[in-house]
C-alpha atoms as a PDB file:
ATOM      1  CA  MET A   1     176.876 248.965 134.389  1.00  0.00           C
ATOM      2  CA  LEU A   2     178.471 245.828 132.919  1.00  0.00           C
ATOM      3  CA  THR A   3     178.379 245.200 129.177  1.00  0.00           C
ATOM      4  CA  THR A   4     180.003 242.574 126.997  1.00  0.00           C
ATOM      5  CA  ALA A   5     182.364 245.238 125.637  1.00  0.00           C
ATOM      6  CA  LEU A   6     183.624 245.958 129.165  1.00  0.00           C
ATOM      7  CA  ILE A   7     183.790 242.374 130.388  1.00  0.00           C
ATOM      8  CA  GLU A   8     185.429 240.538 127.505  1.00  0.00           C
ATOM      9  CA  PRO A   9     188.790 242.379 127.355  1.00  0.00           C
ATOM     10  CA  ILE A  10     189.289 241.892 131.096  1.00  0.00           C
ATOM     11  CA  VAL A  11     188.395 238.216 130.971  1.00  0.00           C
ATOM     12  CA  GLN A  12     190.473 237.623 127.851  1.00  0.00           C
ATOM     13  CA  ALA A  13     193.514 239.228 129.483  1.00  0.00           C
ATOM     14  CA  ALA A  14     193.146 236.910 132.474  1.00  0.00           C
ATOM     15  CA  LEU A  15     192.735 233.839 130.269  1.00  0.00           C
ATOM     16  CA  THR A  16     195.755 234.790 128.177  1.00  0.00           C
ATOM     17  CA  GLU A  17     197.857 235.322 131.279  1.00  0.00           C
ATOM     18  CA  ASP A  18     196.890 231.884 132.609  1.00  0.00           C
ATOM     19  CA  ALA A  19     197.157 229.883 129.363  1.00  0.00           C
ATOM     20  CA  PRO A  20     199.033 231.907 126.736  1.00  0.00           C
ATOM     21  CA  TRP A  21     199.642 228.797 124.589  1.00  0.00           C
ATOM     22  CA  GLY A  22     196.727 226.686 125.828  1.00  0.00           C
ATOM     23  CA  ASP A  23     196.352 224.334 128.785  1.00  0.00           C
ATOM     24  CA  LEU A  24     199.232 221.874 128.540  1.00  0.00           C
ATOM     25  CA  THR A  25     197.768 219.583 131.213  1.00  0.00           C
ATOM     26  CA  CYS A  26     194.353 219.224 129.580  1.00  0.00           C
ATOM     27  CA  ALA A  27     195.876 218.850 126.108  1.00  0.00           C
ATOM     28  CA  THR A  28     198.170 216.099 127.360  1.00  0.00           C
ATOM     29  CA  VAL A  29     195.822 214.161 129.653  1.00  0.00           C
ATOM     30  CA  LEU A  30     192.183 214.548 128.625  1.00  0.00           C
ATOM     31  CA  PRO A  31     190.507 212.737 125.728  1.00  0.00           C
ATOM     32  CA  PRO A  32     189.332 215.345 123.195  1.00  0.00           C
ATOM     33  CA  SER A  33     185.828 213.871 123.310  1.00  0.00           C
ATOM     34  CA  ALA A  34     185.459 214.188 127.087  1.00  0.00           C
ATOM     35  CA  SER A  35     182.710 216.443 128.376  1.00  0.00           C
ATOM     36  CA  ALA A  36     182.207 217.906 131.828  1.00  0.00           C
ATOM     37  CA  THR A  37     179.387 219.224 133.956  1.00  0.00           C
ATOM     38  CA  ALA A  38     180.226 221.523 136.853  1.00  0.00           C
ATOM     39  CA  GLU A  39     178.322 223.389 139.549  1.00  0.00           C
ATOM     40  CA  LEU A  40     179.357 226.606 141.233  1.00  0.00           C
ATOM     41  CA  VAL A  41     178.631 225.869 144.888  1.00  0.00           C
ATOM     42  CA  ALA A  42     178.798 228.239 147.854  1.00  0.00           C
ATOM     43  CA  ARG A  43     180.958 227.082 150.749  1.00  0.00           C
ATOM     44  CA  SER A  44     179.875 230.052 152.869  1.00  0.00           C
ATOM     45  CA  ASP A  45     177.038 232.578 153.069  1.00  0.00           C
ATOM     46  CA  GLY A  46     177.243 235.711 150.967  1.00  0.00           C
ATOM     47  CA  VAL A  47     175.901 237.962 148.211  1.00  0.00           C
ATOM     48  CA  LEU A  48     176.554 237.044 144.595  1.00  0.00           C
ATOM     49  CA  ALA A  49     178.349 239.218 142.063  1.00  0.00           C
ATOM     50  CA  GLY A  50     180.118 238.433 138.808  1.00  0.00           C
ATOM     51  CA  THR A  51     177.747 236.003 137.077  1.00  0.00           C
ATOM     52  CA  GLN A  52     178.428 237.565 133.656  1.00  0.00           C
ATOM     53  CA  VAL A  53     182.167 237.435 134.239  1.00  0.00           C
ATOM     54  CA  PHE A  54     181.946 233.822 135.424  1.00  0.00           C
ATOM     55  CA  ALA A  55     180.138 232.849 132.232  1.00  0.00           C
ATOM     56  CA  ALA A  56     182.504 234.815 130.003  1.00  0.00           C
ATOM     57  CA  ALA A  57     185.531 232.936 131.342  1.00  0.00           C
ATOM     58  CA  PHE A  58     184.088 229.701 129.975  1.00  0.00           C
ATOM     59  CA  THR A  59     182.553 230.953 126.740  1.00  0.00           C
ATOM     60  CA  ARG A  60     185.697 232.915 125.791  1.00  0.00           C
ATOM     61  CA  THR A  61     187.672 229.693 126.285  1.00  0.00           C
ATOM     62  CA  ASP A  62     185.224 227.700 124.150  1.00  0.00           C
ATOM     63  CA  PRO A  63     181.931 229.022 122.742  1.00  0.00           C
ATOM     64  CA  GLY A  64     180.562 225.491 123.083  1.00  0.00           C
ATOM     65  CA  VAL A  65     180.466 225.734 126.868  1.00  0.00           C
ATOM     66  CA  GLN A  66     176.990 226.419 128.234  1.00  0.00           C
ATOM     67  CA  VAL A  67     176.606 228.347 131.491  1.00  0.00           C
ATOM     68  CA  THR A  68     173.306 228.618 133.360  1.00  0.00           C
ATOM     69  CA  ALA A  69     173.050 231.052 136.264  1.00  0.00           C
ATOM     70  CA  MET A  70     170.920 229.800 139.149  1.00  0.00           C
ATOM     71  CA  ARG A  71     171.142 233.107 141.035  1.00  0.00           C
ATOM     72  CA  ALA A  72     171.423 236.728 139.913  1.00  0.00           C
ATOM     73  CA  ASP A  73     173.928 239.339 140.970  1.00  0.00           C
ATOM     74  CA  GLY A  74     172.782 240.964 144.203  1.00  0.00           C
ATOM     75  CA  GLU A  75     171.033 237.854 145.531  1.00  0.00           C
ATOM     76  CA  ALA A  76     171.972 236.506 148.936  1.00  0.00           C
ATOM     77  CA  PHE A  77     172.892 232.835 149.226  1.00  0.00           C
ATOM     78  CA  SER A  78     173.738 230.284 151.905  1.00  0.00           C
ATOM     79  CA  ALA A  79     176.501 227.729 152.184  1.00  0.00           C
ATOM     80  CA  GLY A  80     175.613 224.708 150.066  1.00  0.00           C
ATOM     81  CA  ASP A  81     173.574 226.634 147.493  1.00  0.00           C
ATOM     82  CA  THR A  82     174.224 225.998 143.793  1.00  0.00           C
ATOM     83  CA  LEU A  83     174.804 229.327 142.074  1.00  0.00           C
ATOM     84  CA  ALA A  84     175.479 228.268 138.466  1.00  0.00           C
ATOM     85  CA  ARG A  85     175.860 225.202 136.239  1.00  0.00           C
ATOM     86  CA  VAL A  86     178.402 224.698 133.469  1.00  0.00           C
ATOM     87  CA  HIS A  87     178.473 222.056 130.716  1.00  0.00           C
ATOM     88  CA  GLY A  88     180.776 221.576 127.759  1.00  0.00           C
ATOM     89  CA  PRO A  89     184.077 220.139 126.566  1.00  0.00           C
ATOM     90  CA  ALA A  90     186.015 218.982 129.608  1.00  0.00           C
ATOM     91  CA  GLY A  91     189.248 220.648 128.548  1.00  0.00           C
ATOM     92  CA  ALA A  92     187.608 224.043 128.215  1.00  0.00           C
ATOM     93  CA  VAL A  93     185.712 223.724 131.501  1.00  0.00           C
ATOM     94  CA  LEU A  94     188.857 222.809 133.435  1.00  0.00           C
ATOM     95  CA  GLN A  95     190.996 225.412 131.662  1.00  0.00           C
ATOM     96  CA  ALA A  96     188.619 228.261 132.550  1.00  0.00           C
ATOM     97  CA  GLU A  97     187.792 227.024 136.063  1.00  0.00           C
ATOM     98  CA  ARG A  98     190.411 228.993 138.012  1.00  0.00           C
ATOM     99  CA  ILE A  99     189.854 232.280 136.207  1.00  0.00           C
ATOM    100  CA  ALA A 100     186.062 231.999 136.574  1.00  0.00           C
ATOM    101  CA  LEU A 101     186.423 231.306 140.287  1.00  0.00           C
ATOM    102  CA  ASN A 102     189.007 234.042 140.864  1.00  0.00           C
ATOM    103  CA  PHE A 103     186.680 236.688 139.482  1.00  0.00           C
ATOM    104  CA  THR A 104     183.510 235.408 141.137  1.00  0.00           C
ATOM    105  CA  GLN A 105     185.098 234.848 144.539  1.00  0.00           C
ATOM    106  CA  ARG A 106     186.519 238.373 144.636  1.00  0.00           C
ATOM    107  CA  LEU A 107     183.441 240.127 143.286  1.00  0.00           C
ATOM    108  CA  SER A 108     181.119 238.209 145.597  1.00  0.00           C
ATOM    109  CA  ALA A 109     183.384 239.077 148.527  1.00  0.00           C
ATOM    110  CA  ILE A 110     183.017 242.769 147.653  1.00  0.00           C
ATOM    111  CA  ALA A 111     179.242 242.462 147.301  1.00  0.00           C
ATOM    112  CA  THR A 112     179.031 240.605 150.605  1.00  0.00           C
ATOM    113  CA  ALA A 113     181.149 243.156 152.471  1.00  0.00           C
ATOM    114  CA  THR A 114     179.136 246.009 150.979  1.00  0.00           C
ATOM    115  CA  SER A 115     175.855 244.413 152.030  1.00  0.00           C
ATOM    116  CA  ARG A 116     177.088 244.271 155.629  1.00  0.00           C
ATOM    117  CA  TYR A 117     177.976 247.964 155.653  1.00  0.00           C
ATOM    118  CA  VAL A 118     174.621 248.819 154.077  1.00  0.00           C
ATOM    119  CA  ALA A 119     172.813 246.748 156.717  1.00  0.00           C
ATOM    120  CA  ALA A 120     174.759 248.462 159.498  1.00  0.00           C
ATOM    121  CA  VAL A 121     173.393 251.889 158.472  1.00  0.00           C
ATOM    122  CA  GLY A 122     169.914 250.627 157.602  1.00  0.00           C
ATOM    123  CA  GLY A 123     167.119 253.109 158.288  1.00  0.00           C
ATOM    124  CA  THR A 124     169.402 256.155 158.389  1.00  0.00           C
ATOM    125  CA  GLY A 125     169.180 257.125 154.724  1.00  0.00           C
ATOM    126  CA  VAL A 126     172.986 257.256 154.550  1.00  0.00           C
ATOM    127  CA  ARG A 127     174.620 255.973 151.377  1.00  0.00           C
ATOM    128  CA  ILE A 128     177.579 253.614 151.503  1.00  0.00           C
ATOM    129  CA  ALA A 129     179.948 254.433 148.636  1.00  0.00           C
ATOM    130  CA  ASP A 130     183.138 252.959 147.248  1.00  0.00           C
ATOM    131  CA  THR A 131     186.403 254.754 146.453  1.00  0.00           C
ATOM    132  CA  ARG A 132     189.136 254.644 143.788  1.00  0.00           C
ATOM    133  CA  LYS A 133     191.069 252.126 145.902  1.00  0.00           C
ATOM    134  CA  THR A 134     190.327 249.366 143.432  1.00  0.00           C
ATOM    135  CA  THR A 135     192.432 246.697 141.734  1.00  0.00           C
ATOM    136  CA  PRO A 136     194.080 248.253 138.645  1.00  0.00           C
ATOM    137  CA  GLY A 137     192.213 247.138 135.545  1.00  0.00           C
ATOM    138  CA  LEU A 138     189.275 245.709 137.491  1.00  0.00           C
ATOM    139  CA  ARG A 139     187.538 248.893 138.632  1.00  0.00           C
ATOM    140  CA  VAL A 140     184.441 248.445 136.478  1.00  0.00           C
ATOM    141  CA  LEU A 141     183.943 244.911 137.854  1.00  0.00           C
ATOM    142  CA  GLU A 142     184.565 245.878 141.457  1.00  0.00           C
ATOM    143  CA  ARG A 143     182.287 248.896 141.204  1.00  0.00           C
ATOM    144  CA  HIS A 144     179.579 246.600 139.849  1.00  0.00           C
ATOM    145  CA  ALA A 145     180.084 244.313 142.849  1.00  0.00           C
ATOM    146  CA  VAL A 146     179.579 247.258 145.225  1.00  0.00           C
ATOM    147  CA  TRP A 147     176.321 248.020 143.448  1.00  0.00           C
ATOM    148  CA  ALA A 148     175.288 244.352 143.725  1.00  0.00           C
ATOM    149  CA  GLY A 149     175.827 244.578 147.475  1.00  0.00           C
ATOM    150  CA  GLY A 150     173.484 247.569 147.771  1.00  0.00           C
ATOM    151  CA  GLY A 151     176.140 250.269 147.811  1.00  0.00           C
ATOM    152  CA  HIS A 152     176.673 253.312 145.602  1.00  0.00           C
ATOM    153  CA  ASN A 153     179.514 254.261 143.307  1.00  0.00           C
ATOM    154  CA  HIS A 154     181.672 257.344 143.805  1.00  0.00           C
ATOM    155  CA  ARG A 155     183.208 259.098 140.791  1.00  0.00           C
ATOM    156  CA  PHE A 156     184.527 256.454 138.430  1.00  0.00           C
ATOM    157  CA  GLY A 157     187.864 258.137 137.879  1.00  0.00           C
ATOM    158  CA  LEU A 158     189.742 261.405 137.594  1.00  0.00           C
ATOM    159  CA  SER A 159     187.930 262.479 134.425  1.00  0.00           C
ATOM    160  CA  ASP A 160     184.280 262.546 135.460  1.00  0.00           C
ATOM    161  CA  ALA A 161     184.158 264.825 138.527  1.00  0.00           C
ATOM    162  CA  VAL A 162     186.307 267.388 140.322  1.00  0.00           C
ATOM    163  CA  MET A 163     187.476 266.258 143.743  1.00  0.00           C
ATOM    164  CA  ILE A 164     189.897 268.615 145.470  1.00  0.00           C
ATOM    165  CA  LYS A 165     191.793 266.740 148.168  1.00  0.00           C
ATOM    166  CA  ASP A 166     194.283 267.666 150.863  1.00  0.00           C
ATOM    167  CA  ASN A 167     197.271 267.629 148.513  1.00  0.00           C
ATOM    168  CA  HIS A 168     195.518 269.936 146.067  1.00  0.00           C
ATOM    169  CA  LEU A 169     194.738 272.319 148.942  1.00  0.00           C
ATOM    170  CA  ALA A 170     198.372 272.180 150.059  1.00  0.00           C
ATOM    171  CA  VAL A 171     199.502 273.272 146.582  1.00  0.00           C
ATOM    172  CA  LEU A 172     197.016 276.151 146.615  1.00  0.00           C
ATOM    173  CA  ALA A 173     198.207 277.254 150.063  1.00  0.00           C
ATOM    174  CA  ALA A 174     201.877 277.045 149.031  1.00  0.00           C
ATOM    175  CA  ALA A 175     201.082 279.240 146.027  1.00  0.00           C
ATOM    176  CA  GLY A 176     199.554 281.843 148.355  1.00  0.00           C
ATOM    177  CA  LEU A 177     196.101 281.531 146.801  1.00  0.00           C
ATOM    178  CA  ASP A 178     192.927 282.295 148.720  1.00  0.00           C
ATOM    179  CA  LEU A 179     190.993 279.038 149.137  1.00  0.00           C
ATOM    180  CA  THR A 180     187.527 280.407 148.504  1.00  0.00           C
ATOM    181  CA  GLU A 181     188.557 282.396 145.437  1.00  0.00           C
ATOM    182  CA  ALA A 182     190.512 279.456 144.010  1.00  0.00           C
ATOM    183  CA  LEU A 183     187.439 277.245 144.343  1.00  0.00           C
ATOM    184  CA  ARG A 184     185.212 279.890 142.780  1.00  0.00           C
ATOM    185  CA  GLN A 185     187.563 280.112 139.809  1.00  0.00           C
ATOM    186  CA  ALA A 186     187.423 276.334 139.493  1.00  0.00           C
ATOM    187  CA  ARG A 187     183.631 276.451 139.493  1.00  0.00           C
ATOM    188  CA  ARG A 188     183.638 279.072 136.736  1.00  0.00           C
ATOM    189  CA  ARG A 189     185.840 276.858 134.555  1.00  0.00           C
ATOM    190  CA  LEU A 190     183.559 273.832 134.884  1.00  0.00           C
ATOM    191  CA  GLY A 191     180.531 272.872 132.852  1.00  0.00           C
ATOM    192  CA  HIS A 192     177.232 273.187 134.676  1.00  0.00           C
ATOM    193  CA  THR A 193     176.811 269.398 134.887  1.00  0.00           C
ATOM    194  CA  VAL A 194     180.178 268.703 136.566  1.00  0.00           C
ATOM    195  CA  HIS A 195     180.122 267.818 140.254  1.00  0.00           C
ATOM    196  CA  LEU A 196     182.574 269.653 142.529  1.00  0.00           C
ATOM    197  CA  GLU A 197     183.674 268.039 145.789  1.00  0.00           C
ATOM    198  CA  VAL A 198     186.228 269.296 148.303  1.00  0.00           C
ATOM    199  CA  GLU A 199     187.913 267.318 151.072  1.00  0.00           C
ATOM    200  CA  VAL A 200     188.690 268.998 154.387  1.00  0.00           C
ATOM    201  CA  ASP A 201     190.351 267.679 157.519  1.00  0.00           C
ATOM    202  CA  ARG A 202     189.624 270.538 159.931  1.00  0.00           C
ATOM    203  CA  LEU A 203     186.465 272.291 161.047  1.00  0.00           C
ATOM    204  CA  ASP A 204     187.902 275.727 160.245  1.00  0.00           C
ATOM    205  CA  GLN A 205     188.155 274.813 156.550  1.00  0.00           C
ATOM    206  CA  ILE A 206     184.411 274.276 156.191  1.00  0.00           C
ATOM    207  CA  GLU A 207     183.213 277.872 155.842  1.00  0.00           C
ATOM    208  CA  PRO A 208     185.818 278.974 153.273  1.00  0.00           C
ATOM    209  CA  VAL A 209     184.947 275.903 151.178  1.00  0.00           C
ATOM    210  CA  LEU A 210     181.182 276.354 151.406  1.00  0.00           C
ATOM    211  CA  ALA A 211     181.528 280.003 150.410  1.00  0.00           C
ATOM    212  CA  ALA A 212     182.567 278.785 146.955  1.00  0.00           C
ATOM    213  CA  ASP A 213     179.199 277.045 146.356  1.00  0.00           C
ATOM    214  CA  ILE A 214     180.601 273.520 146.097  1.00  0.00           C
ATOM    215  CA  ASP A 215     178.389 270.433 145.727  1.00  0.00           C
ATOM    216  CA  THR A 216     179.872 268.014 148.270  1.00  0.00           C
ATOM    217  CA  ILE A 217     182.185 268.498 151.217  1.00  0.00           C
ATOM    218  CA  MET A 218     184.121 265.499 152.473  1.00  0.00           C
ATOM    219  CA  LEU A 219     184.981 265.424 156.158  1.00  0.00           C
ATOM    220  CA  ASP A 220     188.082 263.267 156.234  1.00  0.00           C
ATOM    221  CA  ASN A 221     189.243 261.455 159.368  1.00  0.00           C
ATOM    222  CA  PHE A 222     187.032 263.558 161.640  1.00  0.00           C
ATOM    223  CA  THR A 223     186.153 262.384 165.145  1.00  0.00           C
ATOM    224  CA  LEU A 224     182.490 261.648 165.791  1.00  0.00           C
ATOM    225  CA  GLU A 225     182.121 264.902 167.706  1.00  0.00           C
ATOM    226  CA  ASP A 226     183.765 266.891 164.922  1.00  0.00           C
ATOM    227  CA  LEU A 227     181.528 265.144 162.374  1.00  0.00           C
ATOM    228  CA  ARG A 228     178.468 266.272 164.314  1.00  0.00           C
ATOM    229  CA  GLN A 229     179.820 269.830 164.476  1.00  0.00           C
ATOM    230  CA  GLY A 230     180.697 269.711 160.798  1.00  0.00           C
ATOM    231  CA  VAL A 231     177.214 268.605 159.794  1.00  0.00           C
ATOM    232  CA  ALA A 232     175.752 271.458 161.864  1.00  0.00           C
ATOM    233  CA  LEU A 233     178.092 273.978 160.237  1.00  0.00           C
ATOM    234  CA  VAL A 234     177.214 272.833 156.728  1.00  0.00           C
ATOM    235  CA  GLU A 235     173.483 273.265 157.452  1.00  0.00           C
ATOM    236  CA  ARG A 236     172.404 271.378 154.291  1.00  0.00           C
ATOM    237  CA  ARG A 237     174.312 273.784 152.042  1.00  0.00           C
ATOM    238  CA  ALA A 238     176.137 270.833 150.491  1.00  0.00           C
ATOM    239  CA  ILE A 239     176.147 267.052 150.559  1.00  0.00           C
ATOM    240  CA  VAL A 240     178.256 265.875 153.501  1.00  0.00           C
ATOM    241  CA  GLU A 241     180.497 262.861 152.975  1.00  0.00           C
ATOM    242  CA  ALA A 242     182.491 261.155 155.724  1.00  0.00           C
ATOM    243  CA  SER A 243     185.605 259.145 154.983  1.00  0.00           C
ATOM    244  CA  GLY A 244     188.667 257.727 156.657  1.00  0.00           C
ATOM    245  CA  ASN A 245     189.194 254.547 158.687  1.00  0.00           C
ATOM    246  CA  VAL A 246     185.580 253.436 158.377  1.00  0.00           C
ATOM    247  CA  THR A 247     184.933 249.901 159.666  1.00  0.00           C
ATOM    248  CA  LEU A 248     181.889 247.768 160.361  1.00  0.00           C
ATOM    249  CA  ASP A 249     182.349 248.595 164.031  1.00  0.00           C
ATOM    250  CA  THR A 250     182.276 252.365 163.471  1.00  0.00           C
ATOM    251  CA  VAL A 251     180.036 252.906 160.448  1.00  0.00           C
ATOM    252  CA  ALA A 252     176.729 253.032 162.373  1.00  0.00           C
ATOM    253  CA  ASP A 253     178.078 255.696 164.763  1.00  0.00           C
ATOM    254  CA  ILE A 254     179.359 257.714 161.796  1.00  0.00           C
ATOM    255  CA  ALA A 255     175.946 257.499 160.121  1.00  0.00           C
ATOM    256  CA  ALA A 256     174.300 258.746 163.316  1.00  0.00           C
ATOM    257  CA  THR A 257     176.192 262.054 163.077  1.00  0.00           C
ATOM    258  CA  GLY A 258     173.933 263.140 160.213  1.00  0.00           C
ATOM    259  CA  VAL A 259     176.242 262.781 157.217  1.00  0.00           C
ATOM    260  CA  ASP A 260     174.750 261.912 153.835  1.00  0.00           C
ATOM    261  CA  VAL A 261     177.403 259.592 152.411  1.00  0.00           C
ATOM    262  CA  ILE A 262     180.078 257.363 153.925  1.00  0.00           C
ATOM    263  CA  SER A 263     182.854 256.288 151.569  1.00  0.00           C
ATOM    264  CA  VAL A 264     184.603 253.037 152.448  1.00  0.00           C
ATOM    265  CA  GLY A 265     187.879 252.062 150.808  1.00  0.00           C
ATOM    266  CA  ALA A 266     187.810 248.676 152.539  1.00  0.00           C
ATOM    267  CA  LEU A 267     184.956 247.542 150.288  1.00  0.00           C
ATOM    268  CA  THR A 268     187.440 246.965 147.496  1.00  0.00           C
ATOM    269  CA  HIS A 269     190.958 247.085 148.915  1.00  0.00           C
ATOM    270  CA  SER A 270     190.696 244.742 151.900  1.00  0.00           C
ATOM    271  CA  VAL A 271     188.264 241.925 151.145  1.00  0.00           C
ATOM    272  CA  ALA A 272     189.274 238.260 151.215  1.00  0.00           C
ATOM    273  CA  ALA A 273     187.973 235.996 148.461  1.00  0.00           C
ATOM    274  CA  LEU A 274     184.647 234.388 149.306  1.00  0.00           C
ATOM    275  CA  ASP A 275     184.709 230.606 149.562  1.00  0.00           C
ATOM    276  CA  LEU A 276     183.101 229.303 146.370  1.00  0.00           C
ATOM    277  CA  GLY A 277     183.917 226.015 144.676  1.00  0.00           C
ATOM    278  CA  LEU A 278     183.385 224.395 141.288  1.00  0.00           C
ATOM    279  CA  ASP A 279     182.349 220.758 141.625  1.00  0.00           C
ATOM    280  CA  VAL A 280     183.194 219.015 138.347  1.00  0.00           C
ATOM    281  CA  GLN A 281     182.050 215.684 136.906  1.00  0.00           C
ATOM    282  CA  VAL A 282     183.829 214.494 133.767  1.00  0.00           C
ATOM    283  CA  ALA A 283     182.421 211.995 131.255  1.00  0.00           C
ATOM    284  CA  ALA A 284     184.498 210.321 128.541  1.00  0.00           C
END
């Protein structure tokens, strides 16, 4: 998913925000000839994500900085493990340090959280998916982190799939339109490769939605009993996705109802940065 063309503008924006006219501290204090070697060290257990972004923070600051990854995205690690090594001009290493850590700590936190949800539904065949509840401007990175943690990506944005949610249905109802016919008209307007998903929040909405030959039906904020009934009503006529208030404590029970996909907003909107540190040694 990640390419240099996607990574570099995001990293450059962060570097520019942090040091728009350079690093005044390093320029004032450090000898220009000083070099530094640093190690990215885990302070806690987790799953790694963001190695390319970590490296880009240093190389965009100074192409002379060398970054060697010791682990790959998606690999589990333990507290005390060395995840990457950095060597180059001390000023550049110290200038990029915070940005490199900010990205890697957040992305690894997302990968770690995702891996825990995936483990909780292990053996069920249920997919754990992310949502659009991502940090503005960082979606491509955060979606990559979900993938690194063993999860799956939902639609990337509003332009690549049709997802009719409760507010869309409310507009249709207010306009006096028949739900099934409105969905059929939508299907006729779409190209044959476009996925059509509809969100419902009541059991009685399921049949009118399925009658329109949709691809995925999302059962939003359903109780476990209603999820089981919903799955039975769908009868494999569409992919069944569950969403709404999913936690590590509830995800296994939700998977046991027979749904195909569980989307979890908390993967990206509620994680706390993973504890990673950059241990630096400077030589004059």
